[in-house]
Amino acid sequence: MLKIYGPARSRSSRALWMAEECGVPYEHEDLTRYPTMDAKSAAVREINPIGKIPVIADGDFILSESMAINLYLARKYGRHLWPTGEQEQARVLQWSFYAVTELDPPLIQLMVERTFRKEGERNAENEKKNAESAKRALAALEGYLAAHSWLVGSSFTVADLNVASVLGLATGARQDMTDYPHTQAWLKRCQDRPAYRKVTTPKTA
């Protein structure tokens, strides 16, 4: 059985969301049974020497890196999420790489400056630089979504999931999305999907 390692409130949520979209049975090791961070890291390093999450075990096959995991799961278990044409598949890769190279880095840095650091500890230059980078990345996405309902083809694919999972960081980054109405509408469509809601809705006792 597929096993996914990492807390739901982490990048592991991307793999959990994908598994739900694929409808594949899986076991979730959220690491909460380990009492300390050192214990959690040691447990993860047993399957991923880098010690980072997410990581999956699909039988004997071990894979890390969230985007690689999602592309693998889509191709193996979620054929409806993986387009058949070579050019469409290339577009999936394009948008997935865009998410981790153009969108994720500035949003993470803005989160650090605007959420994690206290007012007097912020690095104004770092905040300004990454705010500009985020604006460029979001402008490109907005321009595309002004003419397309989904990132690849006419329906939701792994490309949408991968980019939406990164754009979810905008809240913590306190990124103003007012200038990106098409992106906001698209993100809402992604986050309204039952699979996303199942993964992100807090479980009650």
N, C-alpha and C. Protein backbone atom coordinates (compact mmCIF):
# COMPACT_ATOMS: atom_id res chain seq x y z
N MET A 1 0.83 -1.20 0.00
CA MET A 1 0.00 0.00 0.00
C MET A 1 0.87 1.26 0.00
N LEU A 2 0.40 2.28 -0.67
CA LEU A 2 1.07 3.57 -0.68
C LEU A 2 1.11 4.14 0.73
N LYS A 3 2.28 4.66 1.12
CA LYS A 3 2.42 5.30 2.43
C LYS A 3 3.01 6.68 2.22
N ILE A 4 2.40 7.68 2.86
CA ILE A 4 2.82 9.08 2.72
C ILE A 4 3.28 9.58 4.08
N TYR A 5 4.49 10.10 4.11
CA TYR A 5 5.07 10.57 5.36
C TYR A 5 5.04 12.10 5.42
N GLY A 6 4.62 12.62 6.58
CA GLY A 6 4.67 14.05 6.83
C GLY A 6 3.35 14.59 7.31
N PRO A 7 3.38 15.61 8.17
CA PRO A 7 2.14 16.22 8.68
C PRO A 7 1.30 16.80 7.56
N ALA A 8 0.00 16.82 7.76
CA ALA A 8 -0.90 17.38 6.75
C ALA A 8 -0.66 18.87 6.56
N ARG A 9 -0.24 19.54 7.62
CA ARG A 9 0.05 20.98 7.51
C ARG A 9 1.52 21.18 7.16
N SER A 10 1.87 20.70 6.01
CA SER A 10 3.24 20.81 5.50
C SER A 10 3.17 20.57 4.00
N ARG A 11 4.32 20.53 3.36
CA ARG A 11 4.32 20.22 1.92
C ARG A 11 3.77 18.82 1.64
N SER A 12 3.69 18.00 2.65
CA SER A 12 3.10 16.66 2.47
C SER A 12 1.65 16.75 2.06
N SER A 13 1.00 17.89 2.34
CA SER A 13 -0.40 18.05 1.96
C SER A 13 -0.58 17.91 0.45
N ARG A 14 0.46 18.25 -0.31
CA ARG A 14 0.37 18.13 -1.77
C ARG A 14 0.20 16.67 -2.18
N ALA A 15 0.98 15.80 -1.55
CA ALA A 15 0.89 14.38 -1.87
C ALA A 15 -0.42 13.79 -1.37
N LEU A 16 -0.87 14.24 -0.20
CA LEU A 16 -2.15 13.76 0.32
C LEU A 16 -3.30 14.17 -0.59
N TRP A 17 -3.26 15.42 -1.03
CA TRP A 17 -4.29 15.90 -1.95
C TRP A 17 -4.28 15.08 -3.23
N MET A 18 -3.10 14.83 -3.76
CA MET A 18 -3.01 14.05 -4.99
C MET A 18 -3.53 12.63 -4.80
N ALA A 19 -3.17 12.01 -3.70
CA ALA A 19 -3.65 10.64 -3.44
C ALA A 19 -5.17 10.60 -3.37
N GLU A 20 -5.76 11.62 -2.75
CA GLU A 20 -7.23 11.68 -2.68
C GLU A 20 -7.83 11.88 -4.06
N GLU A 21 -7.23 12.74 -4.87
CA GLU A 21 -7.74 12.95 -6.23
C GLU A 21 -7.65 11.67 -7.05
N CYS A 22 -6.59 10.90 -6.82
CA CYS A 22 -6.41 9.66 -7.57
C CYS A 22 -7.33 8.54 -7.08
N GLY A 23 -7.82 8.68 -5.86
CA GLY A 23 -8.66 7.63 -5.29
C GLY A 23 -7.88 6.38 -4.93
N VAL A 24 -6.57 6.52 -4.68
CA VAL A 24 -5.75 5.37 -4.34
C VAL A 24 -5.70 5.20 -2.82
N PRO A 25 -5.86 3.98 -2.32
CA PRO A 25 -5.75 3.77 -0.88
C PRO A 25 -4.33 4.11 -0.41
N TYR A 26 -4.23 4.72 0.75
CA TYR A 26 -2.91 5.06 1.27
C TYR A 26 -2.94 5.10 2.78
N GLU A 27 -1.77 4.97 3.34
CA GLU A 27 -1.58 5.12 4.77
C GLU A 27 -0.82 6.41 5.01
N HIS A 28 -1.26 7.18 5.99
CA HIS A 28 -0.63 8.47 6.27
C HIS A 28 0.14 8.39 7.59
N GLU A 29 1.45 8.53 7.51
CA GLU A 29 2.30 8.60 8.70
C GLU A 29 2.57 10.08 8.95
N ASP A 30 1.78 10.67 9.86
CA ASP A 30 1.90 12.12 10.09
C ASP A 30 3.01 12.48 11.07
N LEU A 31 3.70 11.46 11.60
CA LEU A 31 4.86 11.63 12.48
C LEU A 31 4.51 12.15 13.87
N THR A 32 3.22 12.30 14.17
CA THR A 32 2.86 12.83 15.48
C THR A 32 3.14 11.84 16.62
N ARG A 33 3.35 10.59 16.28
CA ARG A 33 3.64 9.62 17.34
C ARG A 33 5.07 9.72 17.86
N TYR A 34 5.89 10.52 17.16
CA TYR A 34 7.27 10.71 17.61
C TYR A 34 7.32 11.96 18.51
N PRO A 35 7.90 11.85 19.70
CA PRO A 35 7.78 12.92 20.70
C PRO A 35 8.60 14.18 20.42
N THR A 36 9.67 14.09 19.64
CA THR A 36 10.53 15.25 19.41
C THR A 36 10.84 15.39 17.92
N MET A 37 11.33 16.58 17.56
CA MET A 37 11.72 16.81 16.17
C MET A 37 12.88 15.90 15.78
N ASP A 38 13.80 15.67 16.69
CA ASP A 38 14.93 14.78 16.39
C ASP A 38 14.43 13.37 16.09
N ALA A 39 13.44 12.93 16.85
CA ALA A 39 12.89 11.59 16.64
C ALA A 39 12.17 11.52 15.30
N LYS A 40 11.45 12.59 14.96
CA LYS A 40 10.75 12.63 13.68
C LYS A 40 11.75 12.60 12.53
N SER A 41 12.81 13.41 12.64
CA SER A 41 13.82 13.46 11.58
C SER A 41 14.51 12.12 11.42
N ALA A 42 14.79 11.46 12.53
CA ALA A 42 15.43 10.15 12.47
C ALA A 42 14.54 9.14 11.77
N ALA A 43 13.24 9.20 12.05
CA ALA A 43 12.30 8.28 11.42
C ALA A 43 12.24 8.52 9.91
N VAL A 44 12.24 9.79 9.50
CA VAL A 44 12.19 10.11 8.08
C VAL A 44 13.49 9.70 7.39
N ARG A 45 14.63 9.91 8.05
CA ARG A 45 15.92 9.57 7.43
C ARG A 45 16.07 8.07 7.20
N GLU A 46 15.28 7.28 7.87
CA GLU A 46 15.33 5.84 7.61
C GLU A 46 14.89 5.52 6.19
N ILE A 47 14.05 6.36 5.62
CA ILE A 47 13.60 6.12 4.24
C ILE A 47 14.09 7.19 3.28
N ASN A 48 14.41 8.38 3.78
CA ASN A 48 14.93 9.46 2.95
C ASN A 48 16.16 10.04 3.64
N PRO A 49 17.36 9.73 3.15
CA PRO A 49 18.59 10.15 3.81
C PRO A 49 18.68 11.66 4.04
N ILE A 50 18.01 12.45 3.21
CA ILE A 50 18.03 13.90 3.39
C ILE A 50 17.24 14.30 4.63
N GLY A 51 16.32 13.46 5.03
CA GLY A 51 15.54 13.72 6.23
C GLY A 51 14.40 14.70 6.04
N LYS A 52 13.99 14.94 4.78
CA LYS A 52 12.93 15.90 4.53
C LYS A 52 11.65 15.21 4.08
N ILE A 53 10.55 15.90 4.31
CA ILE A 53 9.24 15.44 3.86
C ILE A 53 8.73 16.39 2.78
N PRO A 54 7.79 15.92 1.95
CA PRO A 54 7.19 14.61 1.97
C PRO A 54 8.10 13.55 1.35
N VAL A 55 7.79 12.33 1.71
CA VAL A 55 8.41 11.18 1.08
C VAL A 55 7.35 10.09 1.06
N ILE A 56 7.36 9.28 0.01
CA ILE A 56 6.38 8.20 -0.09
C ILE A 56 7.09 6.87 -0.24
N ALA A 57 6.39 5.85 0.19
CA ALA A 57 6.81 4.48 -0.06
C ALA A 57 5.65 3.81 -0.79
N ASP A 58 5.89 3.45 -2.03
CA ASP A 58 4.88 2.76 -2.83
C ASP A 58 5.38 1.34 -3.00
N GLY A 59 5.03 0.48 -2.05
CA GLY A 59 5.65 -0.83 -2.01
C GLY A 59 7.12 -0.65 -1.64
N ASP A 60 8.00 -1.16 -2.48
CA ASP A 60 9.44 -1.02 -2.24
C ASP A 60 10.02 0.25 -2.85
N PHE A 61 9.20 1.00 -3.56
CA PHE A 61 9.69 2.20 -4.25
C PHE A 61 9.58 3.42 -3.33
N ILE A 62 10.71 4.08 -3.13
CA ILE A 62 10.77 5.27 -2.27
C ILE A 62 10.99 6.50 -3.15
N LEU A 63 10.24 7.57 -2.87
CA LEU A 63 10.38 8.79 -3.66
C LEU A 63 10.17 10.01 -2.77
N SER A 64 11.04 11.01 -2.95
CA SER A 64 10.89 12.26 -2.23
C SER A 64 10.72 13.40 -3.23
N GLU A 65 10.60 14.62 -2.71
CA GLU A 65 10.34 15.85 -3.48
C GLU A 65 8.88 15.89 -3.93
N SER A 66 8.16 16.87 -3.41
CA SER A 66 6.71 16.90 -3.56
C SER A 66 6.23 16.92 -5.01
N MET A 67 6.89 17.68 -5.87
CA MET A 67 6.44 17.74 -7.25
C MET A 67 6.69 16.41 -7.98
N ALA A 68 7.84 15.81 -7.72
CA ALA A 68 8.13 14.50 -8.31
C ALA A 68 7.12 13.47 -7.84
N ILE A 69 6.79 13.52 -6.56
CA ILE A 69 5.80 12.59 -6.01
C ILE A 69 4.46 12.75 -6.72
N ASN A 70 4.01 13.98 -6.88
CA ASN A 70 2.70 14.20 -7.49
C ASN A 70 2.67 13.81 -8.95
N LEU A 71 3.74 14.07 -9.67
CA LEU A 71 3.78 13.66 -11.08
C LEU A 71 3.75 12.14 -11.18
N TYR A 72 4.47 11.47 -10.30
CA TYR A 72 4.49 10.00 -10.28
C TYR A 72 3.09 9.45 -9.97
N LEU A 73 2.45 10.00 -8.93
CA LEU A 73 1.13 9.51 -8.54
C LEU A 73 0.11 9.75 -9.64
N ALA A 74 0.20 10.91 -10.30
CA ALA A 74 -0.75 11.20 -11.37
C ALA A 74 -0.59 10.22 -12.53
N ARG A 75 0.64 9.94 -12.89
CA ARG A 75 0.88 9.04 -14.02
C ARG A 75 0.48 7.60 -13.70
N LYS A 76 0.71 7.19 -12.45
CA LYS A 76 0.43 5.79 -12.11
C LYS A 76 -1.01 5.55 -11.71
N TYR A 77 -1.57 6.46 -10.92
CA TYR A 77 -2.88 6.20 -10.32
C TYR A 77 -3.98 7.15 -10.79
N GLY A 78 -3.62 8.30 -11.32
CA GLY A 78 -4.63 9.30 -11.67
C GLY A 78 -4.57 9.67 -13.12
N ARG A 79 -4.85 8.73 -13.99
CA ARG A 79 -4.69 8.99 -15.42
C ARG A 79 -5.57 10.15 -15.89
N HIS A 80 -6.68 10.39 -15.20
CA HIS A 80 -7.54 11.52 -15.57
C HIS A 80 -6.86 12.85 -15.22
N LEU A 81 -5.81 12.81 -14.42
CA LEU A 81 -5.09 14.02 -14.03
C LEU A 81 -3.82 14.22 -14.85
N TRP A 82 -3.50 13.25 -15.70
CA TRP A 82 -2.27 13.29 -16.49
C TRP A 82 -2.64 13.27 -17.97
N PRO A 83 -2.41 14.35 -18.71
CA PRO A 83 -2.82 14.40 -20.12
C PRO A 83 -2.05 13.38 -20.96
N THR A 84 -2.63 13.02 -22.08
CA THR A 84 -2.03 11.98 -22.92
C THR A 84 -1.05 12.53 -23.95
N GLY A 85 -1.26 13.75 -24.41
CA GLY A 85 -0.40 14.31 -25.44
C GLY A 85 0.95 14.75 -24.91
N GLU A 86 1.98 14.61 -25.72
CA GLU A 86 3.33 14.98 -25.29
C GLU A 86 3.44 16.47 -24.98
N GLN A 87 2.82 17.31 -25.78
CA GLN A 87 2.90 18.74 -25.55
C GLN A 87 2.16 19.13 -24.27
N GLU A 88 1.01 18.49 -24.03
CA GLU A 88 0.26 18.76 -22.80
C GLU A 88 1.05 18.29 -21.58
N GLN A 89 1.72 17.15 -21.71
CA GLN A 89 2.56 16.66 -20.62
C GLN A 89 3.71 17.63 -20.34
N ALA A 90 4.26 18.20 -21.41
CA ALA A 90 5.32 19.19 -21.24
C ALA A 90 4.80 20.42 -20.52
N ARG A 91 3.56 20.79 -20.79
CA ARG A 91 2.96 21.93 -20.10
C ARG A 91 2.79 21.63 -18.60
N VAL A 92 2.46 20.40 -18.29
CA VAL A 92 2.36 20.02 -16.87
C VAL A 92 3.71 20.25 -16.19
N LEU A 93 4.77 19.81 -16.83
CA LEU A 93 6.11 20.00 -16.27
C LEU A 93 6.43 21.49 -16.16
N GLN A 94 6.09 22.25 -17.20
CA GLN A 94 6.36 23.69 -17.19
C GLN A 94 5.73 24.35 -15.97
N TRP A 95 4.45 24.10 -15.75
CA TRP A 95 3.75 24.76 -14.64
C TRP A 95 4.23 24.24 -13.29
N SER A 96 4.59 22.98 -13.21
CA SER A 96 5.10 22.44 -11.95
C SER A 96 6.45 23.07 -11.61
N PHE A 97 7.31 23.23 -12.63
CA PHE A 97 8.60 23.88 -12.40
C PHE A 97 8.40 25.36 -12.06
N TYR A 98 7.46 25.99 -12.73
CA TYR A 98 7.13 27.39 -12.42
C TYR A 98 6.76 27.53 -10.95
N ALA A 99 5.97 26.59 -10.46
CA ALA A 99 5.51 26.67 -9.07
C ALA A 99 6.67 26.67 -8.09
N VAL A 100 7.65 25.79 -8.32
CA VAL A 100 8.74 25.66 -7.34
C VAL A 100 9.89 26.63 -7.59
N THR A 101 10.01 27.17 -8.81
CA THR A 101 11.13 28.07 -9.07
C THR A 101 10.74 29.55 -9.08
N GLU A 102 9.52 29.86 -9.50
CA GLU A 102 9.11 31.25 -9.62
C GLU A 102 8.16 31.70 -8.52
N LEU A 103 7.33 30.80 -8.04
CA LEU A 103 6.27 31.17 -7.09
C LEU A 103 6.63 30.85 -5.64
N ASP A 104 7.12 29.65 -5.42
CA ASP A 104 7.41 29.21 -4.05
C ASP A 104 8.48 30.06 -3.34
N PRO A 105 9.65 30.32 -3.97
CA PRO A 105 10.70 31.05 -3.24
C PRO A 105 10.28 32.43 -2.72
N PRO A 106 9.68 33.29 -3.57
CA PRO A 106 9.31 34.59 -3.01
C PRO A 106 8.21 34.52 -1.97
N LEU A 107 7.25 33.62 -2.14
CA LEU A 107 6.19 33.51 -1.14
C LEU A 107 6.73 33.03 0.20
N ILE A 108 7.68 32.10 0.17
CA ILE A 108 8.30 31.64 1.41
C ILE A 108 9.03 32.79 2.09
N GLN A 109 9.79 33.56 1.32
CA GLN A 109 10.53 34.68 1.91
C GLN A 109 9.59 35.76 2.45
N LEU A 110 8.49 36.01 1.77
CA LEU A 110 7.52 36.97 2.27
C LEU A 110 6.85 36.46 3.54
N MET A 111 6.63 35.17 3.62
CA MET A 111 6.09 34.59 4.84
C MET A 111 7.05 34.78 6.01
N VAL A 112 8.33 34.58 5.74
CA VAL A 112 9.35 34.78 6.78
C VAL A 112 9.32 36.23 7.28
N GLU A 113 9.33 37.17 6.33
CA GLU A 113 9.41 38.58 6.71
C GLU A 113 8.12 39.09 7.34
N ARG A 114 6.98 38.68 6.80
CA ARG A 114 5.72 39.29 7.22
C ARG A 114 4.99 38.52 8.32
N THR A 115 5.29 37.24 8.46
CA THR A 115 4.57 36.43 9.44
C THR A 115 5.46 35.96 10.58
N PHE A 116 6.63 35.45 10.25
CA PHE A 116 7.48 34.87 11.27
C PHE A 116 8.32 35.89 12.03
N ARG A 117 8.77 36.93 11.34
CA ARG A 117 9.61 37.93 12.00
C ARG A 117 8.78 39.03 12.63
N LYS A 118 9.24 39.54 13.75
CA LYS A 118 8.57 40.65 14.40
C LYS A 118 8.80 41.92 13.60
N GLU A 119 7.97 42.92 13.84
CA GLU A 119 8.00 44.15 13.06
C GLU A 119 9.39 44.75 12.96
N GLY A 120 10.08 44.85 14.07
CA GLY A 120 11.39 45.49 14.07
C GLY A 120 12.52 44.62 13.55
N GLU A 121 12.23 43.37 13.25
CA GLU A 121 13.26 42.44 12.80
C GLU A 121 13.21 42.17 11.30
N ARG A 122 12.25 42.77 10.62
CA ARG A 122 12.08 42.49 9.21
C ARG A 122 13.21 43.10 8.38
N ASN A 123 13.55 42.37 7.32
CA ASN A 123 14.54 42.84 6.36
C ASN A 123 13.77 43.49 5.21
N ALA A 124 13.73 44.83 5.21
CA ALA A 124 12.92 45.55 4.23
C ALA A 124 13.38 45.28 2.80
N GLU A 125 14.68 45.17 2.61
CA GLU A 125 15.21 44.92 1.26
C GLU A 125 14.80 43.54 0.77
N ASN A 126 14.88 42.56 1.64
CA ASN A 126 14.48 41.20 1.27
C ASN A 126 12.98 41.14 0.97
N GLU A 127 12.20 41.83 1.79
CA GLU A 127 10.75 41.86 1.55
C GLU A 127 10.42 42.51 0.22
N LYS A 128 11.06 43.65 -0.08
CA LYS A 128 10.79 44.35 -1.33
C LYS A 128 11.18 43.50 -2.53
N LYS A 129 12.37 42.90 -2.47
CA LYS A 129 12.85 42.09 -3.59
C LYS A 129 11.90 40.93 -3.87
N ASN A 130 11.46 40.26 -2.84
CA ASN A 130 10.59 39.09 -3.04
C ASN A 130 9.16 39.49 -3.35
N ALA A 131 8.73 40.65 -2.90
CA ALA A 131 7.41 41.15 -3.28
C ALA A 131 7.38 41.40 -4.79
N GLU A 132 8.46 41.93 -5.33
CA GLU A 132 8.55 42.18 -6.77
C GLU A 132 8.59 40.87 -7.55
N SER A 133 9.32 39.88 -7.01
CA SER A 133 9.38 38.58 -7.68
C SER A 133 8.02 37.90 -7.68
N ALA A 134 7.32 37.98 -6.55
CA ALA A 134 5.99 37.38 -6.46
C ALA A 134 5.03 38.06 -7.43
N LYS A 135 5.15 39.38 -7.55
CA LYS A 135 4.28 40.13 -8.45
C LYS A 135 4.49 39.69 -9.89
N ARG A 136 5.75 39.51 -10.29
CA ARG A 136 6.03 39.06 -11.67
C ARG A 136 5.45 37.67 -11.92
N ALA A 137 5.65 36.79 -10.96
CA ALA A 137 5.16 35.41 -11.13
C ALA A 137 3.63 35.38 -11.18
N LEU A 138 3.00 36.15 -10.32
CA LEU A 138 1.54 36.17 -10.29
C LEU A 138 0.95 36.85 -11.53
N ALA A 139 1.64 37.86 -12.04
CA ALA A 139 1.16 38.53 -13.26
C ALA A 139 1.16 37.56 -14.44
N ALA A 140 2.17 36.71 -14.51
CA ALA A 140 2.23 35.72 -15.60
C ALA A 140 1.09 34.72 -15.48
N LEU A 141 0.83 34.27 -14.26
CA LEU A 141 -0.27 33.32 -14.03
C LEU A 141 -1.61 33.96 -14.33
N GLU A 142 -1.78 35.20 -13.87
CA GLU A 142 -3.04 35.92 -14.10
C GLU A 142 -3.30 36.09 -15.59
N GLY A 143 -2.27 36.45 -16.34
CA GLY A 143 -2.43 36.63 -17.77
C GLY A 143 -2.88 35.35 -18.47
N TYR A 144 -2.32 34.25 -18.05
CA TYR A 144 -2.69 32.97 -18.66
C TYR A 144 -4.13 32.59 -18.29
N LEU A 145 -4.46 32.75 -17.01
CA LEU A 145 -5.79 32.33 -16.55
C LEU A 145 -6.89 33.26 -17.01
N ALA A 146 -6.53 34.44 -17.51
CA ALA A 146 -7.53 35.33 -18.09
C ALA A 146 -8.14 34.72 -19.34
N ALA A 147 -7.40 33.80 -19.97
CA ALA A 147 -7.86 33.19 -21.21
C ALA A 147 -8.09 31.68 -21.09
N HIS A 148 -7.80 31.10 -19.93
CA HIS A 148 -7.94 29.65 -19.76
C HIS A 148 -8.56 29.35 -18.40
N SER A 149 -9.45 28.36 -18.38
CA SER A 149 -10.06 27.95 -17.12
C SER A 149 -9.12 27.10 -16.27
N TRP A 150 -8.29 26.32 -16.95
CA TRP A 150 -7.34 25.44 -16.27
C TRP A 150 -5.97 25.58 -16.92
N LEU A 151 -4.94 25.12 -16.25
CA LEU A 151 -3.59 25.34 -16.74
C LEU A 151 -3.23 24.50 -17.95
N VAL A 152 -3.77 23.29 -18.02
CA VAL A 152 -3.48 22.40 -19.15
C VAL A 152 -4.79 21.77 -19.62
N GLY A 153 -5.16 22.03 -20.84
CA GLY A 153 -6.38 21.43 -21.37
C GLY A 153 -7.63 22.06 -20.78
N SER A 154 -8.72 21.30 -20.83
CA SER A 154 -10.03 21.83 -20.46
C SER A 154 -10.53 21.35 -19.11
N SER A 155 -9.67 20.69 -18.34
CA SER A 155 -10.11 20.19 -17.04
C SER A 155 -8.95 20.24 -16.04
N PHE A 156 -9.28 20.04 -14.79
CA PHE A 156 -8.30 20.03 -13.70
C PHE A 156 -7.29 18.90 -13.89
N THR A 157 -5.99 19.23 -13.76
CA THR A 157 -4.94 18.22 -13.87
C THR A 157 -3.94 18.40 -12.73
N VAL A 158 -2.94 17.55 -12.72
CA VAL A 158 -1.89 17.63 -11.73
C VAL A 158 -1.18 18.99 -11.79
N ALA A 159 -1.17 19.63 -12.95
CA ALA A 159 -0.56 20.96 -13.06
C ALA A 159 -1.29 21.95 -12.16
N ASP A 160 -2.62 21.93 -12.20
CA ASP A 160 -3.41 22.82 -11.36
C ASP A 160 -3.15 22.52 -9.88
N LEU A 161 -3.13 21.25 -9.54
CA LEU A 161 -2.92 20.87 -8.15
C LEU A 161 -1.56 21.35 -7.66
N ASN A 162 -0.53 21.15 -8.47
CA ASN A 162 0.81 21.53 -8.04
C ASN A 162 0.93 23.04 -7.83
N VAL A 163 0.41 23.82 -8.78
CA VAL A 163 0.52 25.27 -8.64
C VAL A 163 -0.37 25.78 -7.51
N ALA A 164 -1.58 25.25 -7.41
CA ALA A 164 -2.49 25.69 -6.35
C ALA A 164 -1.93 25.37 -4.97
N SER A 165 -1.24 24.24 -4.85
CA SER A 165 -0.69 23.86 -3.55
C SER A 165 0.39 24.84 -3.11
N VAL A 166 1.10 25.43 -4.07
CA VAL A 166 2.10 26.45 -3.75
C VAL A 166 1.45 27.79 -3.50
N LEU A 167 0.48 28.14 -4.32
CA LEU A 167 -0.17 29.43 -4.18
C LEU A 167 -0.92 29.54 -2.85
N GLY A 168 -1.23 28.40 -2.25
CA GLY A 168 -1.85 28.42 -0.94
C GLY A 168 -0.99 29.13 0.10
N LEU A 169 0.31 29.28 -0.19
CA LEU A 169 1.22 29.98 0.72
C LEU A 169 0.94 31.48 0.74
N ALA A 170 0.18 31.98 -0.20
CA ALA A 170 -0.06 33.42 -0.29
C ALA A 170 -0.70 33.98 0.97
N THR A 171 -1.53 33.18 1.62
CA THR A 171 -2.17 33.66 2.86
C THR A 171 -1.14 33.93 3.93
N GLY A 172 -0.26 32.97 4.18
CA GLY A 172 0.79 33.16 5.17
C GLY A 172 1.77 34.24 4.78
N ALA A 173 1.94 34.45 3.47
CA ALA A 173 2.84 35.48 2.98
C ALA A 173 2.19 36.86 2.99
N ARG A 174 0.91 36.89 3.34
CA ARG A 174 0.15 38.15 3.35
C ARG A 174 0.23 38.85 2.00
N GLN A 175 0.11 38.02 0.97
CA GLN A 175 0.18 38.52 -0.40
C GLN A 175 -1.19 39.05 -0.83
N ASP A 176 -1.25 40.31 -1.19
CA ASP A 176 -2.48 40.92 -1.67
C ASP A 176 -2.81 40.35 -3.05
N MET A 177 -3.99 39.75 -3.18
CA MET A 177 -4.37 39.12 -4.43
C MET A 177 -5.40 39.94 -5.21
N THR A 178 -5.62 41.17 -4.79
CA THR A 178 -6.65 42.01 -5.41
C THR A 178 -6.46 42.15 -6.92
N ASP A 179 -5.22 42.27 -7.35
CA ASP A 179 -4.94 42.50 -8.77
C ASP A 179 -4.98 41.23 -9.61
N TYR A 180 -5.36 40.11 -9.01
CA TYR A 180 -5.33 38.84 -9.72
C TYR A 180 -6.67 38.11 -9.61
N PRO A 181 -7.74 38.70 -10.14
CA PRO A 181 -9.07 38.10 -9.99
C PRO A 181 -9.22 36.75 -10.66
N HIS A 182 -8.62 36.56 -11.83
CA HIS A 182 -8.74 35.28 -12.51
C HIS A 182 -7.99 34.19 -11.72
N THR A 183 -6.87 34.56 -11.15
CA THR A 183 -6.12 33.61 -10.34
C THR A 183 -6.90 33.26 -9.08
N GLN A 184 -7.53 34.24 -8.47
CA GLN A 184 -8.34 33.97 -7.28
C GLN A 184 -9.49 33.02 -7.60
N ALA A 185 -10.16 33.25 -8.73
CA ALA A 185 -11.29 32.40 -9.12
C ALA A 185 -10.81 30.98 -9.40
N TRP A 186 -9.69 30.86 -10.09
CA TRP A 186 -9.13 29.54 -10.38
C TRP A 186 -8.72 28.82 -9.10
N LEU A 187 -8.07 29.53 -8.18
CA LEU A 187 -7.65 28.92 -6.93
C LEU A 187 -8.86 28.44 -6.13
N LYS A 188 -9.93 29.21 -6.15
CA LYS A 188 -11.14 28.80 -5.44
C LYS A 188 -11.70 27.52 -6.04
N ARG A 189 -11.68 27.41 -7.37
CA ARG A 189 -12.17 26.18 -8.01
C ARG A 189 -11.32 24.98 -7.57
N CYS A 190 -10.02 25.18 -7.48
CA CYS A 190 -9.13 24.10 -7.05
C CYS A 190 -9.42 23.71 -5.60
N GLN A 191 -9.55 24.72 -4.75
CA GLN A 191 -9.71 24.46 -3.32
C GLN A 191 -11.13 24.05 -2.94
N ASP A 192 -12.06 24.19 -3.86
CA ASP A 192 -13.42 23.71 -3.62
C ASP A 192 -13.57 22.23 -3.92
N ARG A 193 -12.54 21.62 -4.47
CA ARG A 193 -12.62 20.21 -4.81
C ARG A 193 -12.69 19.36 -3.53
N PRO A 194 -13.53 18.33 -3.53
CA PRO A 194 -13.69 17.51 -2.32
C PRO A 194 -12.38 16.93 -1.79
N ALA A 195 -11.48 16.54 -2.70
CA ALA A 195 -10.21 15.95 -2.26
C ALA A 195 -9.39 16.95 -1.46
N TYR A 196 -9.38 18.20 -1.91
CA TYR A 196 -8.65 19.24 -1.17
C TYR A 196 -9.28 19.47 0.19
N ARG A 197 -10.58 19.57 0.21
CA ARG A 197 -11.27 19.84 1.47
C ARG A 197 -11.09 18.69 2.47
N LYS A 198 -11.04 17.48 1.96
CA LYS A 198 -10.85 16.33 2.86
C LYS A 198 -9.49 16.40 3.54
N VAL A 199 -8.47 16.80 2.80
CA VAL A 199 -7.12 16.86 3.34
C VAL A 199 -6.93 18.04 4.28
N THR A 200 -7.57 19.17 3.99
CA THR A 200 -7.30 20.39 4.74
C THR A 200 -8.30 20.68 5.86
N THR A 201 -9.43 20.00 5.87
CA THR A 201 -10.40 20.24 6.94
C THR A 201 -9.92 19.58 8.22
N PRO A 202 -9.82 20.34 9.31
CA PRO A 202 -9.35 19.75 10.57
C PRO A 202 -10.27 18.61 11.02
N LYS A 203 -9.63 17.53 11.46
CA LYS A 203 -10.40 16.38 11.92
C LYS A 203 -10.88 16.62 13.35
N THR A 204 -12.14 16.27 13.59
CA THR A 204 -12.69 16.43 14.94
C THR A 204 -12.59 15.13 15.69
N ALA A 205 -12.49 15.25 16.98
CA ALA A 205 -12.35 14.04 17.82
C ALA A 205 -13.64 13.24 17.85
